[in-house]
C-alpha atoms as a PDB file:
ATOM      1  CA  MET A   1     -24.142   5.223  -1.897  1.00  0.00           C
ATOM      2  CA  THR A   2     -21.765   5.335   1.112  1.00  0.00           C
ATOM      3  CA  THR A   3     -18.709   7.395   0.854  1.00  0.00           C
ATOM      4  CA  LEU A   4     -15.778   8.370   3.143  1.00  0.00           C
ATOM      5  CA  THR A   5     -15.570  11.954   4.164  1.00  0.00           C
ATOM      6  CA  PRO A   6     -12.017  13.402   3.379  1.00  0.00           C
ATOM      7  CA  LEU A   7     -10.046  15.129   6.158  1.00  0.00           C
ATOM      8  CA  THR A   8      -6.919  16.975   5.694  1.00  0.00           C
ATOM      9  CA  PRO A   9      -3.730  15.839   7.446  1.00  0.00           C
ATOM     10  CA  THR A  10      -3.797  18.655  10.018  1.00  0.00           C
ATOM     11  CA  ASP A  11      -7.548  17.777  10.798  1.00  0.00           C
ATOM     12  CA  VAL A  12      -6.564  14.072  11.135  1.00  0.00           C
ATOM     13  CA  ALA A  13      -3.518  15.030  13.404  1.00  0.00           C
ATOM     14  CA  GLU A  14      -5.760  17.101  15.663  1.00  0.00           C
ATOM     15  CA  ARG A  15      -8.360  14.275  16.011  1.00  0.00           C
ATOM     16  CA  LEU A  16      -5.668  11.740  16.915  1.00  0.00           C
ATOM     17  CA  LYS A  17      -3.963  14.152  19.303  1.00  0.00           C
ATOM     18  CA  THR A  18      -7.356  14.511  21.200  1.00  0.00           C
ATOM     19  CA  ARG A  19      -7.847  10.712  20.915  1.00  0.00           C
ATOM     20  CA  ARG A  20     -11.364  11.172  19.443  1.00  0.00           C
ATOM     21  CA  ALA A  21     -10.357   9.197  16.340  1.00  0.00           C
ATOM     22  CA  VAL A  22      -8.406   6.121  15.255  1.00  0.00           C
ATOM     23  CA  LEU A  23      -6.391   5.996  12.083  1.00  0.00           C
ATOM     24  CA  ILE A  24      -6.638   2.604  10.220  1.00  0.00           C
ATOM     25  CA  ASP A  25      -3.904   2.032   7.656  1.00  0.00           C
ATOM     26  CA  ILE A  26      -5.245  -0.402   4.985  1.00  0.00           C
ATOM     27  CA  ARG A  27      -2.002  -0.936   3.161  1.00  0.00           C
ATOM     28  CA  GLU A  28      -0.359  -4.379   3.122  1.00  0.00           C
ATOM     29  CA  PRO A  29       2.050  -5.642   5.956  1.00  0.00           C
ATOM     30  CA  ASP A  30       5.227  -5.030   3.995  1.00  0.00           C
ATOM     31  CA  GLU A  31       4.261  -1.384   3.232  1.00  0.00           C
ATOM     32  CA  PHE A  32       3.070  -0.782   6.830  1.00  0.00           C
ATOM     33  CA  ALA A  33       6.350  -2.308   8.273  1.00  0.00           C
ATOM     34  CA  ARG A  34       8.458   0.142   6.211  1.00  0.00           C
ATOM     35  CA  GLU A  35       6.732   3.200   7.012  1.00  0.00           C
ATOM     36  CA  HIS A  36       3.379   4.266   8.718  1.00  0.00           C
ATOM     37  CA  VAL A  37       1.790   7.290  10.572  1.00  0.00           C
ATOM     38  CA  VAL A  38       2.775   7.192  14.256  1.00  0.00           C
ATOM     39  CA  GLY A  39      -0.126   5.796  16.296  1.00  0.00           C
ATOM     40  CA  ALA A  40      -1.868   4.233  13.361  1.00  0.00           C
ATOM     41  CA  SER A  41      -3.542   0.895  13.506  1.00  0.00           C
ATOM     42  CA  HIS A  42      -2.995  -1.656  10.808  1.00  0.00           C
ATOM     43  CA  ALA A  43      -5.855  -3.527   9.080  1.00  0.00           C
ATOM     44  CA  PRO A  44      -4.596  -4.674   5.641  1.00  0.00           C
ATOM     45  CA  LEU A  45      -7.193  -4.454   2.915  1.00  0.00           C
ATOM     46  CA  SER A  46      -6.392  -8.051   1.640  1.00  0.00           C
ATOM     47  CA  GLY A  47      -7.653  -9.429   4.988  1.00  0.00           C
ATOM     48  CA  PHE A  48     -10.072  -6.745   5.892  1.00  0.00           C
ATOM     49  CA  ASP A  49     -12.759  -7.759   8.284  1.00  0.00           C
ATOM     50  CA  ALA A  50     -15.660  -5.696   9.505  1.00  0.00           C
ATOM     51  CA  VAL A  51     -15.553  -7.473  12.928  1.00  0.00           C
ATOM     52  CA  SER A  52     -11.993  -6.044  13.582  1.00  0.00           C
ATOM     53  CA  MET A  53     -13.543  -2.521  13.648  1.00  0.00           C
ATOM     54  CA  ASP A  54     -15.574  -3.410  16.776  1.00  0.00           C
ATOM     55  CA  ARG A  55     -12.639  -2.446  19.061  1.00  0.00           C
ATOM     56  CA  HIS A  56     -12.782   1.140  17.870  1.00  0.00           C
ATOM     57  CA  LEU A  57     -16.464   1.807  18.757  1.00  0.00           C
ATOM     58  CA  GLY A  58     -16.902   5.101  20.349  1.00  0.00           C
ATOM     59  CA  ARG A  59     -14.208   6.857  18.182  1.00  0.00           C
ATOM     60  CA  GLU A  60     -14.191   8.273  14.842  1.00  0.00           C
ATOM     61  CA  VAL A  61     -12.631   5.821  12.250  1.00  0.00           C
ATOM     62  CA  ILE A  62     -10.242   7.385   9.625  1.00  0.00           C
ATOM     63  CA  TYR A  63      -8.822   5.259   6.906  1.00  0.00           C
ATOM     64  CA  THR A  64      -5.573   5.837   5.093  1.00  0.00           C
ATOM     65  CA  CYS A  65      -3.324   4.253   2.402  1.00  0.00           C
ATOM     66  CA  ARG A  66      -0.249   5.682   0.734  1.00  0.00           C
ATOM     67  CA  THR A  67      -2.034   8.181  -1.696  1.00  0.00           C
ATOM     68  CA  GLY A  68      -5.754   7.981  -1.096  1.00  0.00           C
ATOM     69  CA  ASN A  69      -6.314   5.807  -4.194  1.00  0.00           C
ATOM     70  CA  ARG A  70      -6.878   2.477  -2.461  1.00  0.00           C
ATOM     71  CA  THR A  71      -9.203   4.048   0.135  1.00  0.00           C
ATOM     72  CA  GLY A  72     -11.166   5.821  -2.665  1.00  0.00           C
ATOM     73  CA  VAL A  73     -11.450   2.606  -4.719  1.00  0.00           C
ATOM     74  CA  ASN A  74     -12.715   0.663  -1.619  1.00  0.00           C
ATOM     75  CA  ALA A  75     -14.847   3.456  -0.048  1.00  0.00           C
ATOM     76  CA  VAL A  76     -17.998   1.561  -0.024  1.00  0.00           C
ATOM     77  CA  LYS A  77     -16.442  -1.504   1.639  1.00  0.00           C
ATOM     78  CA  LEU A  78     -14.564   0.422   4.149  1.00  0.00           C
ATOM     79  CA  ALA A  79     -17.488   2.910   5.092  1.00  0.00           C
ATOM     80  CA  ALA A  80     -19.891  -0.142   5.484  1.00  0.00           C
ATOM     81  CA  CYS A  81     -17.673  -1.382   8.349  1.00  0.00           C
ATOM     82  CA  VAL A  82     -18.287   1.628  10.566  1.00  0.00           C
ATOM     83  CA  PRO A  83     -21.554   2.610  12.112  1.00  0.00           C
ATOM     84  CA  GLY A  84     -22.247   6.273  11.205  1.00  0.00           C
ATOM     85  CA  GLU A  85     -19.759   8.433   9.349  1.00  0.00           C
ATOM     86  CA  ALA A  86     -16.363   7.228   8.209  1.00  0.00           C
ATOM     87  CA  PHE A  87     -13.415   9.326   7.209  1.00  0.00           C
ATOM     88  CA  VAL A  88     -10.336   9.109   4.967  1.00  0.00           C
ATOM     89  CA  LEU A  89      -7.060  10.883   5.177  1.00  0.00           C
ATOM     90  CA  GLU A  90      -7.082  13.087   2.105  1.00  0.00           C
ATOM     91  CA  GLY A  91      -3.815  12.316   0.028  1.00  0.00           C
ATOM     92  CA  GLY A  92      -2.925   9.437   2.363  1.00  0.00           C
ATOM     93  CA  LEU A  93       0.649   8.820   3.860  1.00  0.00           C
ATOM     94  CA  ASP A  94       2.190  10.921   1.135  1.00  0.00           C
ATOM     95  CA  ALA A  95       0.134  14.055   2.055  1.00  0.00           C
ATOM     96  CA  TRP A  96       0.795  13.309   5.836  1.00  0.00           C
ATOM     97  CA  LYS A  97       4.479  13.466   5.112  1.00  0.00           C
ATOM     98  CA  ALA A  98       4.155  16.590   2.929  1.00  0.00           C
ATOM     99  CA  HIS A  99       2.673  18.428   5.949  1.00  0.00           C
ATOM    100  CA  GLY A 100       5.764  17.559   8.015  1.00  0.00           C
ATOM    101  CA  LEU A 101       3.643  15.143  10.346  1.00  0.00           C
ATOM    102  CA  PRO A 102       5.410  12.315  12.192  1.00  0.00           C
ATOM    103  CA  THR A 103       5.882   8.884  10.695  1.00  0.00           C
ATOM    104  CA  ARG A 104       7.595   5.816  11.985  1.00  0.00           C
ATOM    105  CA  THR A 105      10.034   4.510   9.384  1.00  0.00           C
ATOM    106  CA  ASN A 106      11.975   1.271   9.506  1.00  0.00           C
ATOM    107  CA  ARG A 107      14.704   1.373   6.760  1.00  0.00           C
ATOM    108  CA  SER A 108      15.725  -2.046   7.659  1.00  0.00           C
ATOM    109  CA  GLN A 109      12.621  -3.229   6.249  1.00  0.00           C
ATOM    110  CA  PRO A 110      12.596  -4.156   2.461  1.00  0.00           C
ATOM    111  CA  ILE A 111      11.213  -1.983  -0.110  1.00  0.00           C
ATOM    112  CA  GLU A 112       7.466  -2.610  -0.725  1.00  0.00           C
ATOM    113  CA  LEU A 113       6.900  -5.723  -2.833  1.00  0.00           C
ATOM    114  CA  MET A 114       4.979  -3.911  -5.593  1.00  0.00           C
ATOM    115  CA  ARG A 115       7.846  -1.320  -5.903  1.00  0.00           C
ATOM    116  CA  GLN A 116      10.261  -4.231  -6.252  1.00  0.00           C
ATOM    117  CA  VAL A 117       8.014  -5.704  -8.993  1.00  0.00           C
ATOM    118  CA  GLN A 118       7.875  -2.282 -10.704  1.00  0.00           C
ATOM    119  CA  MET A 119      11.675  -1.752 -10.569  1.00  0.00           C
ATOM    120  CA  THR A 120      12.422  -5.382 -11.604  1.00  0.00           C
ATOM    121  CA  ALA A 121      10.000  -5.325 -14.534  1.00  0.00           C
ATOM    122  CA  GLY A 122      11.086  -1.945 -15.739  1.00  0.00           C
ATOM    123  CA  GLY A 123      14.758  -2.999 -15.544  1.00  0.00           C
ATOM    124  CA  LEU A 124      14.140  -6.225 -17.535  1.00  0.00           C
ATOM    125  CA  ILE A 125      12.265  -4.312 -20.211  1.00  0.00           C
ATOM    126  CA  LEU A 126      14.992  -1.745 -20.541  1.00  0.00           C
ATOM    127  CA  VAL A 127      17.692  -4.484 -20.691  1.00  0.00           C
ATOM    128  CA  GLY A 128      15.751  -6.449 -23.286  1.00  0.00           C
ATOM    129  CA  ALA A 129      15.204  -3.319 -25.405  1.00  0.00           C
ATOM    130  CA  ALA A 130      18.817  -2.218 -25.042  1.00  0.00           C
ATOM    131  CA  LEU A 131      20.264  -5.791 -25.895  1.00  0.00           C
ATOM    132  CA  GLY A 132      17.800  -6.120 -28.762  1.00  0.00           C
ATOM    133  CA  LEU A 133      19.270  -2.779 -30.261  1.00  0.00           C
ATOM    134  CA  VAL A 134      22.958  -3.473 -29.505  1.00  0.00           C
ATOM    135  CA  LEU A 135      23.326  -7.259 -29.827  1.00  0.00           C
ATOM    136  CA  HIS A 136      20.473  -9.115 -31.564  1.00  0.00           C
ATOM    137  CA  PRO A 137      16.758  -8.421 -32.030  1.00  0.00           C
ATOM    138  CA  ALA A 138      15.892 -11.644 -30.325  1.00  0.00           C
ATOM    139  CA  PHE A 139      16.451  -9.870 -26.994  1.00  0.00           C
ATOM    140  CA  TRP A 140      13.264  -7.889 -27.481  1.00  0.00           C
ATOM    141  CA  GLY A 141      11.611 -11.133 -26.565  1.00  0.00           C
ATOM    142  CA  LEU A 142      12.602 -10.392 -22.956  1.00  0.00           C
ATOM    143  CA  SER A 143      10.722  -7.229 -23.016  1.00  0.00           C
ATOM    144  CA  ALA A 144       7.759  -8.846 -24.598  1.00  0.00           C
ATOM    145  CA  PHE A 145       7.740 -11.674 -22.105  1.00  0.00           C
ATOM    146  CA  VAL A 146       7.834  -9.256 -19.131  1.00  0.00           C
ATOM    147  CA  GLY A 147       5.101  -7.144 -20.689  1.00  0.00           C
ATOM    148  CA  ALA A 148       2.914 -10.115 -21.204  1.00  0.00           C
ATOM    149  CA  GLY A 149       3.555 -11.073 -17.541  1.00  0.00           C
ATOM    150  CA  LEU A 150       2.452  -7.677 -16.326  1.00  0.00           C
ATOM    151  CA  PHE A 151      -0.711  -7.896 -18.541  1.00  0.00           C
ATOM    152  CA  VAL A 152      -1.544 -11.300 -17.050  1.00  0.00           C
ATOM    153  CA  ALA A 153      -0.925 -10.011 -13.585  1.00  0.00           C
ATOM    154  CA  GLY A 154      -3.281  -7.088 -14.076  1.00  0.00           C
ATOM    155  CA  ALA A 155      -6.000  -9.292 -15.810  1.00  0.00           C
ATOM    156  CA  THR A 156      -5.876 -12.163 -13.355  1.00  0.00           C
ATOM    157  CA  GLY A 157      -4.551 -10.731 -10.066  1.00  0.00           C
ATOM    158  CA  PHE A 158      -1.797 -13.171 -10.039  1.00  0.00           C
ATOM    159  CA  CYS A 159       1.826 -11.889 -10.308  1.00  0.00           C
ATOM    160  CA  GLY A 160       4.438 -14.585 -10.678  1.00  0.00           C
ATOM    161  CA  MET A 161       7.099 -11.925 -10.364  1.00  0.00           C
ATOM    162  CA  ALA A 162       5.793 -10.769  -7.027  1.00  0.00           C
ATOM    163  CA  ARG A 163       5.586 -14.352  -5.820  1.00  0.00           C
ATOM    164  CA  LEU A 164       9.215 -14.996  -6.836  1.00  0.00           C
ATOM    165  CA  LEU A 165      10.514 -11.755  -5.204  1.00  0.00           C
ATOM    166  CA  ALA A 166       8.559 -12.417  -1.965  1.00  0.00           C
ATOM    167  CA  VAL A 167      10.828 -15.513  -1.322  1.00  0.00           C
ATOM    168  CA  MET A 168      14.010 -13.773  -2.042  1.00  0.00           C
ATOM    169  CA  PRO A 169      16.439 -13.531   1.026  1.00  0.00           C
ATOM    170  CA  TRP A 170      16.164  -9.797   1.317  1.00  0.00           C
ATOM    171  CA  ASN A 171      12.330 -10.236   1.793  1.00  0.00           C
ATOM    172  CA  ARG A 172      12.456 -12.685   4.445  1.00  0.00           C
ATOM    173  CA  ARG A 173      11.789 -11.382   7.956  1.00  0.00           C
ATOM    174  CA  ALA A 174      13.872 -12.456  10.776  1.00  0.00           C
ATOM    175  CA  PRO A 175      12.078 -14.451  13.627  1.00  0.00           C
ATOM    176  CA  GLY A 176      10.343 -12.037  15.852  1.00  0.00           C
ATOM    177  CA  ALA A 177      10.726  -8.999  13.368  1.00  0.00           C
ATOM    178  CA  ALA A 178       7.795  -6.696  13.124  1.00  0.00           C
END
């Protein structure tokens, strides 16, 4: 079984500094636009293509995500795209920042879509529960509805709330925006 060899943030920083490695961020475009490691290349997992790795031949390929979970779950797929040994930034972007290493942050970009879904769903569940206690038990139906939607999203991969939030005005990019 092919795996990714973990590297500490300081090891990755040194390899990037000497240009012997390239860091590939596999997070989605909205996540990458908000914050990423300075100098990282972007190849979102949702559109990942082995052919895109050809431009990095001759350099070590190090993958990263936010915490290391996504790279771990997809290790076989990612490692198969690289001839030879492939690496992963242990702890992802969160560990990189914890070591005080530089990131490029664009606070004008909206919060990542999945965080918006989590905040909205959690808020609706809390409102439904509170209104059910204070006004009428029928409001618990709101919490049940949102919970059922989250279950369906997890089971099918389709999240109606994410689709709805994605078209909200604050998530629309201005023409020419990165």
